[in-house]
Amino acid sequence: MKRNSKAAVTTVIDGHTMIISLFGDIDHHSAKRLRGEIDNNLFTNRPKRAVLDMSDVEFMDSAGLGLILGRISCAEKIGCRLTLLSPSPQVMRILDLAGAGRLIEIKQS
């Protein structure tokens, strides 16, 4: 079965919180573009808190993990607290293997 590899990102500002929703597969083909869009939104809006909504991401490889870990660093530079929301079981497995839960708060909705 072929996956929908078209990845996208949308951003909504709610007070001091930025909600960044990711869609599609996050792999080496999409990570660089998504990283640029997310960083641009973080540095432009400088929220106090950012939520990375992963509920519509079904597949993520090591490039996706790098995207998340890099955004933690990016958020810290501007004094923003980043939280992951609702990663799928497949994505959560990669996060667990990398020990990402020690670096970022992960919530299930």
C-alpha atoms as a PDB file:
ATOM      1  CA  MET A   1       0.000   0.000   0.000  1.00  0.00           C
ATOM      2  CA  LYS A   2       1.392   3.384  -0.997  1.00  0.00           C
ATOM      3  CA  ARG A   3       1.513   6.063   1.699  1.00  0.00           C
ATOM      4  CA  ASN A   4       0.454   9.667   1.104  1.00  0.00           C
ATOM      5  CA  SER A   5       3.904  11.230   1.215  1.00  0.00           C
ATOM      6  CA  LYS A   6       2.718  14.809   0.686  1.00  0.00           C
ATOM      7  CA  ALA A   7       3.663  16.493   3.940  1.00  0.00           C
ATOM      8  CA  ALA A   8       2.281  19.850   5.023  1.00  0.00           C
ATOM      9  CA  VAL A   9       2.246  22.161   8.000  1.00  0.00           C
ATOM     10  CA  THR A  10      -0.349  24.659   9.211  1.00  0.00           C
ATOM     11  CA  THR A  11       0.076  27.154  12.025  1.00  0.00           C
ATOM     12  CA  VAL A  12      -2.529  28.829  14.234  1.00  0.00           C
ATOM     13  CA  ILE A  13      -1.793  31.429  16.898  1.00  0.00           C
ATOM     14  CA  ASP A  14      -3.974  31.370  20.025  1.00  0.00           C
ATOM     15  CA  GLY A  15      -2.824  34.052  22.454  1.00  0.00           C
ATOM     16  CA  HIS A  16       0.746  33.187  23.474  1.00  0.00           C
ATOM     17  CA  THR A  17       0.467  29.651  22.061  1.00  0.00           C
ATOM     18  CA  MET A  18       1.322  28.574  18.537  1.00  0.00           C
ATOM     19  CA  ILE A  19      -0.289  25.358  17.344  1.00  0.00           C
ATOM     20  CA  ILE A  20       1.739  23.753  14.570  1.00  0.00           C
ATOM     21  CA  SER A  21      -0.089  20.892  12.859  1.00  0.00           C
ATOM     22  CA  LEU A  22       1.843  18.451  10.709  1.00  0.00           C
ATOM     23  CA  PHE A  23       0.201  16.296   8.032  1.00  0.00           C
ATOM     24  CA  GLY A  24       1.439  13.411   5.904  1.00  0.00           C
ATOM     25  CA  ASP A  25       4.734  11.552   6.076  1.00  0.00           C
ATOM     26  CA  ILE A  26       7.818  13.170   7.555  1.00  0.00           C
ATOM     27  CA  ASP A  27      10.851  11.734   5.815  1.00  0.00           C
ATOM     28  CA  HIS A  28      14.044  12.926   4.176  1.00  0.00           C
ATOM     29  CA  HIS A  29      12.003  14.265   1.229  1.00  0.00           C
ATOM     30  CA  SER A  30       9.839  16.578   3.326  1.00  0.00           C
ATOM     31  CA  ALA A  31      11.792  17.333   6.519  1.00  0.00           C
ATOM     32  CA  LYS A  32      13.917  20.199   5.181  1.00  0.00           C
ATOM     33  CA  ARG A  33      10.914  22.103   3.801  1.00  0.00           C
ATOM     34  CA  LEU A  34       8.842  21.539   6.943  1.00  0.00           C
ATOM     35  CA  ARG A  35      11.760  22.591   9.139  1.00  0.00           C
ATOM     36  CA  GLY A  36      12.038  25.885   7.237  1.00  0.00           C
ATOM     37  CA  GLU A  37       8.313  26.612   7.535  1.00  0.00           C
ATOM     38  CA  ILE A  38       8.212  25.823  11.261  1.00  0.00           C
ATOM     39  CA  ASP A  39      11.361  27.831  12.040  1.00  0.00           C
ATOM     40  CA  ASN A  40      10.085  30.810  10.076  1.00  0.00           C
ATOM     41  CA  ASN A  41       6.829  30.769  12.056  1.00  0.00           C
ATOM     42  CA  LEU A  42       8.630  30.373  15.396  1.00  0.00           C
ATOM     43  CA  PHE A  43      11.107  33.193  14.780  1.00  0.00           C
ATOM     44  CA  THR A  44       8.496  35.515  13.259  1.00  0.00           C
ATOM     45  CA  ASN A  45       5.828  35.057  15.963  1.00  0.00           C
ATOM     46  CA  ARG A  46       8.033  34.209  18.994  1.00  0.00           C
ATOM     47  CA  PRO A  47       5.348  32.394  21.009  1.00  0.00           C
ATOM     48  CA  LYS A  48       5.818  31.549  24.684  1.00  0.00           C
ATOM     49  CA  ARG A  49       4.503  28.049  23.997  1.00  0.00           C
ATOM     50  CA  ALA A  50       4.312  25.923  20.856  1.00  0.00           C
ATOM     51  CA  VAL A  51       2.378  22.697  20.384  1.00  0.00           C
ATOM     52  CA  LEU A  52       3.499  20.399  17.599  1.00  0.00           C
ATOM     53  CA  ASP A  53       0.341  18.443  16.711  1.00  0.00           C
ATOM     54  CA  MET A  54       1.425  15.092  15.274  1.00  0.00           C
ATOM     55  CA  SER A  55      -2.037  13.491  15.150  1.00  0.00           C
ATOM     56  CA  ASP A  56      -2.113  13.423  11.326  1.00  0.00           C
ATOM     57  CA  VAL A  57       1.406  12.027  10.854  1.00  0.00           C
ATOM     58  CA  GLU A  58       1.319   8.294  10.108  1.00  0.00           C
ATOM     59  CA  PHE A  59       4.957   7.771   9.171  1.00  0.00           C
ATOM     60  CA  MET A  60       8.194   9.368  10.343  1.00  0.00           C
ATOM     61  CA  ASP A  61      11.781   8.270   9.788  1.00  0.00           C
ATOM     62  CA  SER A  62      15.035   9.533  11.314  1.00  0.00           C
ATOM     63  CA  ALA A  63      14.743  12.795   9.354  1.00  0.00           C
ATOM     64  CA  GLY A  64      11.437  13.418  11.143  1.00  0.00           C
ATOM     65  CA  LEU A  65      13.091  12.723  14.467  1.00  0.00           C
ATOM     66  CA  GLY A  66      15.793  15.223  13.560  1.00  0.00           C
ATOM     67  CA  LEU A  67      13.114  17.742  12.639  1.00  0.00           C
ATOM     68  CA  ILE A  68      11.527  17.426  16.092  1.00  0.00           C
ATOM     69  CA  LEU A  69      14.793  17.503  18.038  1.00  0.00           C
ATOM     70  CA  GLY A  70      15.970  20.535  16.090  1.00  0.00           C
ATOM     71  CA  ARG A  71      12.732  22.388  16.785  1.00  0.00           C
ATOM     72  CA  ILE A  72      13.279  21.845  20.525  1.00  0.00           C
ATOM     73  CA  SER A  73      16.555  23.725  20.215  1.00  0.00           C
ATOM     74  CA  CYS A  74      14.996  26.387  18.005  1.00  0.00           C
ATOM     75  CA  ALA A  75      12.157  26.966  20.478  1.00  0.00           C
ATOM     76  CA  GLU A  76      14.574  27.198  23.412  1.00  0.00           C
ATOM     77  CA  LYS A  77      16.534  29.943  21.613  1.00  0.00           C
ATOM     78  CA  ILE A  78      13.465  32.192  21.648  1.00  0.00           C
ATOM     79  CA  GLY A  79      12.294  31.222  25.144  1.00  0.00           C
ATOM     80  CA  CYS A  80       9.467  29.025  23.892  1.00  0.00           C
ATOM     81  CA  ARG A  81       8.326  25.750  25.462  1.00  0.00           C
ATOM     82  CA  LEU A  82       7.584  23.069  22.864  1.00  0.00           C
ATOM     83  CA  THR A  83       5.174  20.171  23.417  1.00  0.00           C
ATOM     84  CA  LEU A  84       4.328  17.248  21.117  1.00  0.00           C
ATOM     85  CA  LEU A  85       0.667  16.336  20.843  1.00  0.00           C
ATOM     86  CA  SER A  86      -0.846  12.990  19.845  1.00  0.00           C
ATOM     87  CA  PRO A  87       1.893  11.141  17.982  1.00  0.00           C
ATOM     88  CA  SER A  88       0.632   7.918  16.393  1.00  0.00           C
ATOM     89  CA  PRO A  89       1.829   4.593  17.845  1.00  0.00           C
ATOM     90  CA  GLN A  90       4.315   4.242  14.961  1.00  0.00           C
ATOM     91  CA  VAL A  91       5.749   7.734  15.534  1.00  0.00           C
ATOM     92  CA  MET A  92       5.736   7.222  19.304  1.00  0.00           C
ATOM     93  CA  ARG A  93       7.857   4.100  18.860  1.00  0.00           C
ATOM     94  CA  ILE A  94      10.582   6.132  17.133  1.00  0.00           C
ATOM     95  CA  LEU A  95      10.360   8.835  19.810  1.00  0.00           C
ATOM     96  CA  ASP A  96      10.653   6.199  22.556  1.00  0.00           C
ATOM     97  CA  LEU A  97      13.643   4.517  20.909  1.00  0.00           C
ATOM     98  CA  ALA A  98      15.398   7.905  20.746  1.00  0.00           C
ATOM     99  CA  GLY A  99      14.510   8.805  24.347  1.00  0.00           C
ATOM    100  CA  ALA A 100      12.765  11.967  23.160  1.00  0.00           C
ATOM    101  CA  GLY A 101      10.468  11.934  26.200  1.00  0.00           C
ATOM    102  CA  ARG A 102      13.412  13.108  28.297  1.00  0.00           C
ATOM    103  CA  LEU A 103      13.786  16.182  26.101  1.00  0.00           C
ATOM    104  CA  ILE A 104      10.240  17.189  25.275  1.00  0.00           C
ATOM    105  CA  GLU A 105       6.802  16.855  26.832  1.00  0.00           C
ATOM    106  CA  ILE A 106       4.642  14.420  24.870  1.00  0.00           C
ATOM    107  CA  LYS A 107       0.866  14.488  25.396  1.00  0.00           C
ATOM    108  CA  GLN A 108      -1.863  12.275  24.019  1.00  0.00           C
ATOM    109  CA  SER A 109      -5.217  13.963  23.350  1.00  0.00           C
END
